[in-house]
């Protein structure tokens, strides 16, 4: 079976839409941080909404949620063609539940509060169907040292870089359901709606911290319905 990793070129229109970044920036200007839902799953960590176990996840999705290998690599192996499309990358605001795992203070008041963070969002599509929405955030200060390459990553898959660098260590994975009005949920279902696909009322997500040189990157991966129909990731593959 032939497999290709495809990335879009320039600003040419693609089948996967860009998220409404202008609307997001207007919302960020009106609030200290974007709205993030407090709804989670049973067994969640106190006050965070994130759990150390994906309790209640459908069986077809459990292996994908729990696997600690490279999600990009597993999607590549499970599809004939994997496309990575960057939706946005630039200065922005984290969600309310994100500064804590990064062990840095949240954004303060004032017009300069978004300059202290880099936000990156991409969608990964298997055979043309949106499969995973990925949202990453890092403080601007952490972009120095071993993370300096992140600002220039462009359309290249973040996952490949994370698992190739021996300096980077991954922390525990936590899980939750995302639903409206969570910004990450809204961005994920926007991809489904634009592709003419149903938009579930909630989506399973997982997140983990990647650390290098004492600095941290937080990656959240939102699993879209098609993932449950793909071959499960092979154990032991990173």
Protein backbone atom coordinates (compact mmCIF):
# COMPACT_ATOMS: atom_id res chain seq x y z
CA UNK A 1 0.00 0.00 0.00
CA UNK A 2 1.43 3.36 -1.05
CA UNK A 3 1.47 6.08 1.59
CA UNK A 4 2.32 9.74 1.29
CA UNK A 5 2.68 12.56 3.76
CA UNK A 6 1.27 15.61 2.02
CA UNK A 7 1.61 19.21 3.11
CA UNK A 8 -0.02 22.22 1.44
CA UNK A 9 2.09 24.77 -0.36
CA UNK A 10 1.84 28.50 0.15
CA UNK A 11 -1.62 30.00 0.45
CA UNK A 12 -3.28 27.77 -2.14
CA UNK A 13 -6.79 26.72 -1.08
CA UNK A 14 -7.09 23.18 0.27
CA UNK A 15 -9.85 20.84 1.29
CA UNK A 16 -9.24 21.52 4.96
CA UNK A 17 -10.34 25.04 5.99
CA UNK A 18 -8.58 27.56 8.12
CA UNK A 19 -10.18 28.32 11.46
CA UNK A 20 -11.85 31.71 12.06
CA UNK A 21 -8.68 33.34 13.42
CA UNK A 22 -10.09 36.85 13.15
CA UNK A 23 -13.02 35.95 15.37
CA UNK A 24 -10.67 34.26 17.83
CA UNK A 25 -8.49 37.34 18.08
CA UNK A 26 -11.53 39.52 18.73
CA UNK A 27 -12.57 37.18 21.52
CA UNK A 28 -9.04 37.23 22.95
CA UNK A 29 -9.09 41.02 22.95
CA UNK A 30 -12.29 41.04 24.95
CA UNK A 31 -11.22 38.54 27.63
CA UNK A 32 -8.09 37.79 29.59
CA UNK A 33 -8.20 34.24 28.21
CA UNK A 34 -10.47 32.34 25.78
CA UNK A 35 -13.47 30.51 27.21
CA UNK A 36 -12.70 26.93 28.12
CA UNK A 37 -15.35 24.48 29.24
CA UNK A 38 -15.12 23.00 32.72
CA UNK A 39 -16.97 19.84 31.67
CA UNK A 40 -14.75 16.78 31.87
CA UNK A 41 -14.83 13.05 32.55
CA UNK A 42 -15.09 11.02 35.73
CA UNK A 43 -11.91 10.71 37.77
CA UNK A 44 -10.62 14.09 36.72
CA UNK A 45 -7.80 15.90 38.45
CA UNK A 46 -9.01 18.43 41.01
CA UNK A 47 -10.14 21.62 39.30
CA UNK A 48 -8.61 20.82 35.91
CA UNK A 49 -11.22 18.71 34.14
CA UNK A 50 -8.44 16.42 32.91
CA UNK A 51 -8.20 12.78 34.03
CA UNK A 52 -5.30 10.33 34.11
CA UNK A 53 -7.55 7.69 32.52
CA UNK A 54 -9.89 7.88 29.50
CA UNK A 55 -12.86 6.52 31.44
CA UNK A 56 -15.83 5.76 29.22
CA UNK A 57 -13.94 6.04 25.94
CA UNK A 58 -15.26 3.75 23.17
CA UNK A 59 -13.18 0.62 22.69
CA UNK A 60 -12.24 1.58 19.12
CA UNK A 61 -10.64 4.76 20.43
CA UNK A 62 -8.92 3.57 23.61
CA UNK A 63 -5.75 2.31 21.94
CA UNK A 64 -5.34 5.62 20.11
CA UNK A 65 -5.85 7.64 23.27
CA UNK A 66 -3.50 5.60 25.43
CA UNK A 67 -0.63 5.10 22.98
CA UNK A 68 2.50 7.07 23.88
CA UNK A 69 4.17 6.84 20.48
CA UNK A 70 4.09 9.41 17.70
CA UNK A 71 0.47 10.04 16.71
CA UNK A 72 1.62 11.46 13.38
CA UNK A 73 3.49 8.24 12.60
CA UNK A 74 0.55 6.05 13.59
CA UNK A 75 -1.86 8.04 11.40
CA UNK A 76 0.62 7.79 8.54
CA UNK A 77 0.69 4.01 8.90
CA UNK A 78 -3.12 3.76 9.14
CA UNK A 79 -3.92 5.72 5.97
CA UNK A 80 -2.95 5.86 2.31
CA UNK A 81 -2.36 9.60 2.47
CA UNK A 82 -1.77 11.82 5.49
CA UNK A 83 -2.07 15.58 5.10
CA UNK A 84 -0.82 18.03 7.72
CA UNK A 85 -2.41 21.46 7.43
CA UNK A 86 -1.35 24.34 9.66
CA UNK A 87 -4.36 26.40 10.68
CA UNK A 88 -2.49 29.05 12.64
CA UNK A 89 0.79 29.74 14.34
CA UNK A 90 1.59 32.97 16.10
CA UNK A 91 1.31 35.02 19.24
CA UNK A 92 -1.90 34.38 21.11
CA UNK A 93 -3.51 33.45 24.40
CA UNK A 94 -3.57 30.05 26.07
CA UNK A 95 -6.78 28.56 27.44
CA UNK A 96 -7.38 28.99 31.15
CA UNK A 97 -6.32 25.40 31.91
CA UNK A 98 -2.99 25.58 30.04
CA UNK A 99 -0.52 27.76 32.00
CA UNK A 100 -0.65 25.39 35.00
CA UNK A 101 0.90 22.33 33.30
CA UNK A 102 3.53 24.63 31.78
CA UNK A 103 4.41 25.92 35.26
CA UNK A 104 4.28 29.55 34.16
CA UNK A 105 1.92 32.38 35.21
CA UNK A 106 -1.22 32.89 33.13
CA UNK A 107 -1.64 35.92 30.84
CA UNK A 108 -2.19 39.20 32.62
CA UNK A 109 -4.14 42.26 31.64
CA UNK A 110 -3.22 44.67 28.89
CA UNK A 111 -2.61 44.60 25.14
CA UNK A 112 0.75 42.88 25.50
CA UNK A 113 -0.56 39.80 27.28
CA UNK A 114 -0.76 37.68 24.09
CA UNK A 115 2.85 38.40 23.11
CA UNK A 116 4.11 36.10 25.84
CA UNK A 117 2.71 32.95 24.18
CA UNK A 118 3.08 31.05 20.93
CA UNK A 119 0.00 29.09 19.82
CA UNK A 120 0.08 26.53 17.00
CA UNK A 121 -2.91 24.65 15.59
CA UNK A 122 -2.95 22.04 12.83
CA UNK A 123 -5.34 19.45 11.48
CA UNK A 124 -4.21 16.02 10.31
CA UNK A 125 -6.37 14.41 7.63
CA UNK A 126 -6.34 10.75 6.65
CA UNK A 127 -7.29 10.16 3.01
CA UNK A 128 -8.82 13.63 2.86
CA UNK A 129 -10.93 13.29 6.04
CA UNK A 130 -10.06 15.42 9.12
CA UNK A 131 -8.84 12.99 11.79
CA UNK A 132 -7.04 14.93 14.54
CA UNK A 133 -7.00 18.57 15.54
CA UNK A 134 -3.80 19.46 17.41
CA UNK A 135 -3.35 22.55 19.59
CA UNK A 136 0.06 23.43 21.05
CA UNK A 137 1.08 26.27 23.33
CA UNK A 138 4.40 27.43 24.72
CA UNK A 139 5.50 30.57 26.51
CA UNK A 140 7.60 32.97 24.47
CA UNK A 141 10.36 32.75 27.05
CA UNK A 142 10.54 28.97 26.55
CA UNK A 143 11.24 29.43 22.82
CA UNK A 144 14.87 30.01 23.71
CA UNK A 145 17.31 27.12 23.88
CA UNK A 146 16.12 23.68 22.73
CA UNK A 147 12.71 24.98 21.57
CA UNK A 148 13.93 27.81 19.33
CA UNK A 149 13.20 25.77 16.18
CA UNK A 150 9.47 25.69 16.96
CA UNK A 151 8.80 29.24 15.75
CA UNK A 152 9.95 28.29 12.23
CA UNK A 153 8.32 24.85 11.99
CA UNK A 154 5.81 25.91 9.34
CA UNK A 155 3.75 23.08 7.83
CA UNK A 156 6.11 20.35 8.99
CA UNK A 157 4.62 17.87 11.50
CA UNK A 158 5.42 18.75 15.10
CA UNK A 159 5.14 15.11 16.17
CA UNK A 160 8.02 13.98 13.99
CA UNK A 161 10.31 16.59 15.52
CA UNK A 162 9.26 15.80 19.10
CA UNK A 163 9.99 12.10 18.86
CA UNK A 164 13.21 12.52 16.90
CA UNK A 165 14.97 14.77 19.44
CA UNK A 166 16.50 12.73 22.30
CA UNK A 167 16.57 15.81 24.55
CA UNK A 168 12.77 15.97 24.69
CA UNK A 169 10.92 14.02 27.38
CA UNK A 170 7.17 13.44 27.42
CA UNK A 171 5.19 13.69 30.63
CA UNK A 172 2.02 11.78 31.61
CA UNK A 173 -0.98 11.84 29.28
CA UNK A 174 -4.29 13.18 30.59
CA UNK A 175 -7.74 12.99 29.02
CA UNK A 176 -11.11 14.71 28.90
CA UNK A 177 -14.16 15.40 26.78
CA UNK A 178 -14.19 18.78 25.08
CA UNK A 179 -17.44 20.52 24.22
CA UNK A 180 -18.74 24.02 23.56
CA UNK A 181 -17.76 26.71 24.39
CA UNK A 182 -14.18 25.39 24.60
CA UNK A 183 -12.08 27.09 21.92
CA UNK A 184 -10.30 23.86 21.05
CA UNK A 185 -13.63 22.09 20.54
CA UNK A 186 -14.92 24.92 18.33
CA UNK A 187 -11.83 24.86 16.15
CA UNK A 188 -11.99 21.07 15.80
CA UNK A 189 -15.66 20.88 14.82
CA UNK A 190 -15.17 23.74 12.36
CA UNK A 191 -13.01 21.36 10.33
CA UNK A 192 -15.75 18.72 10.36
CA UNK A 193 -18.49 21.18 9.43
CA UNK A 194 -16.52 22.58 6.50
CA UNK A 195 -15.97 19.04 5.21
CA UNK A 196 -19.70 18.35 5.37
CA UNK A 197 -19.34 15.90 8.26
CA UNK A 198 -21.48 15.61 11.41
CA UNK A 199 -20.29 17.59 14.43
CA UNK A 200 -20.52 15.61 17.69
CA UNK A 201 -21.60 17.41 20.85
CA UNK A 202 -18.33 16.36 22.50
CA UNK A 203 -14.94 15.06 21.40
CA UNK A 204 -12.27 13.08 23.18
CA UNK A 205 -8.99 14.88 23.71
CA UNK A 206 -5.69 14.12 25.37
CA UNK A 207 -2.76 16.30 26.27
CA UNK A 208 0.78 16.02 27.60
CA UNK A 209 3.77 18.18 28.36
CA UNK A 210 7.01 17.82 26.40
CA UNK A 211 10.03 19.11 28.31
CA UNK A 212 13.55 19.98 27.19
CA UNK A 213 16.18 22.13 28.83
CA UNK A 214 13.88 22.97 31.72
CA UNK A 215 11.28 24.49 29.39
CA UNK A 216 7.87 23.06 28.49
CA UNK A 217 5.54 22.69 25.52
CA UNK A 218 1.91 21.59 26.00
CA UNK A 219 0.30 19.59 23.17
CA UNK A 220 -3.44 18.84 23.06
CA UNK A 221 -4.77 16.37 20.48
CA UNK A 222 -8.50 16.28 19.73
CA UNK A 223 -9.66 13.03 18.13
CA UNK A 224 -12.27 13.35 15.37
CA UNK A 225 -14.76 10.54 14.60
CA UNK A 226 -12.90 8.93 11.69
CA UNK A 227 -10.06 7.82 13.99
CA UNK A 228 -12.28 5.11 15.50
CA UNK A 229 -12.49 3.45 12.06
CA UNK A 230 -8.72 3.32 11.48
CA UNK A 231 -6.48 0.36 12.28
CA UNK A 232 -5.28 0.61 15.86
CA UNK A 233 -1.71 1.79 16.41
CA UNK A 234 0.90 -0.91 16.77
CA UNK A 235 2.37 -1.19 20.25
CA UNK A 236 6.02 -0.39 20.67
CA UNK A 237 6.21 1.97 17.72
CA UNK A 238 7.44 5.49 18.50
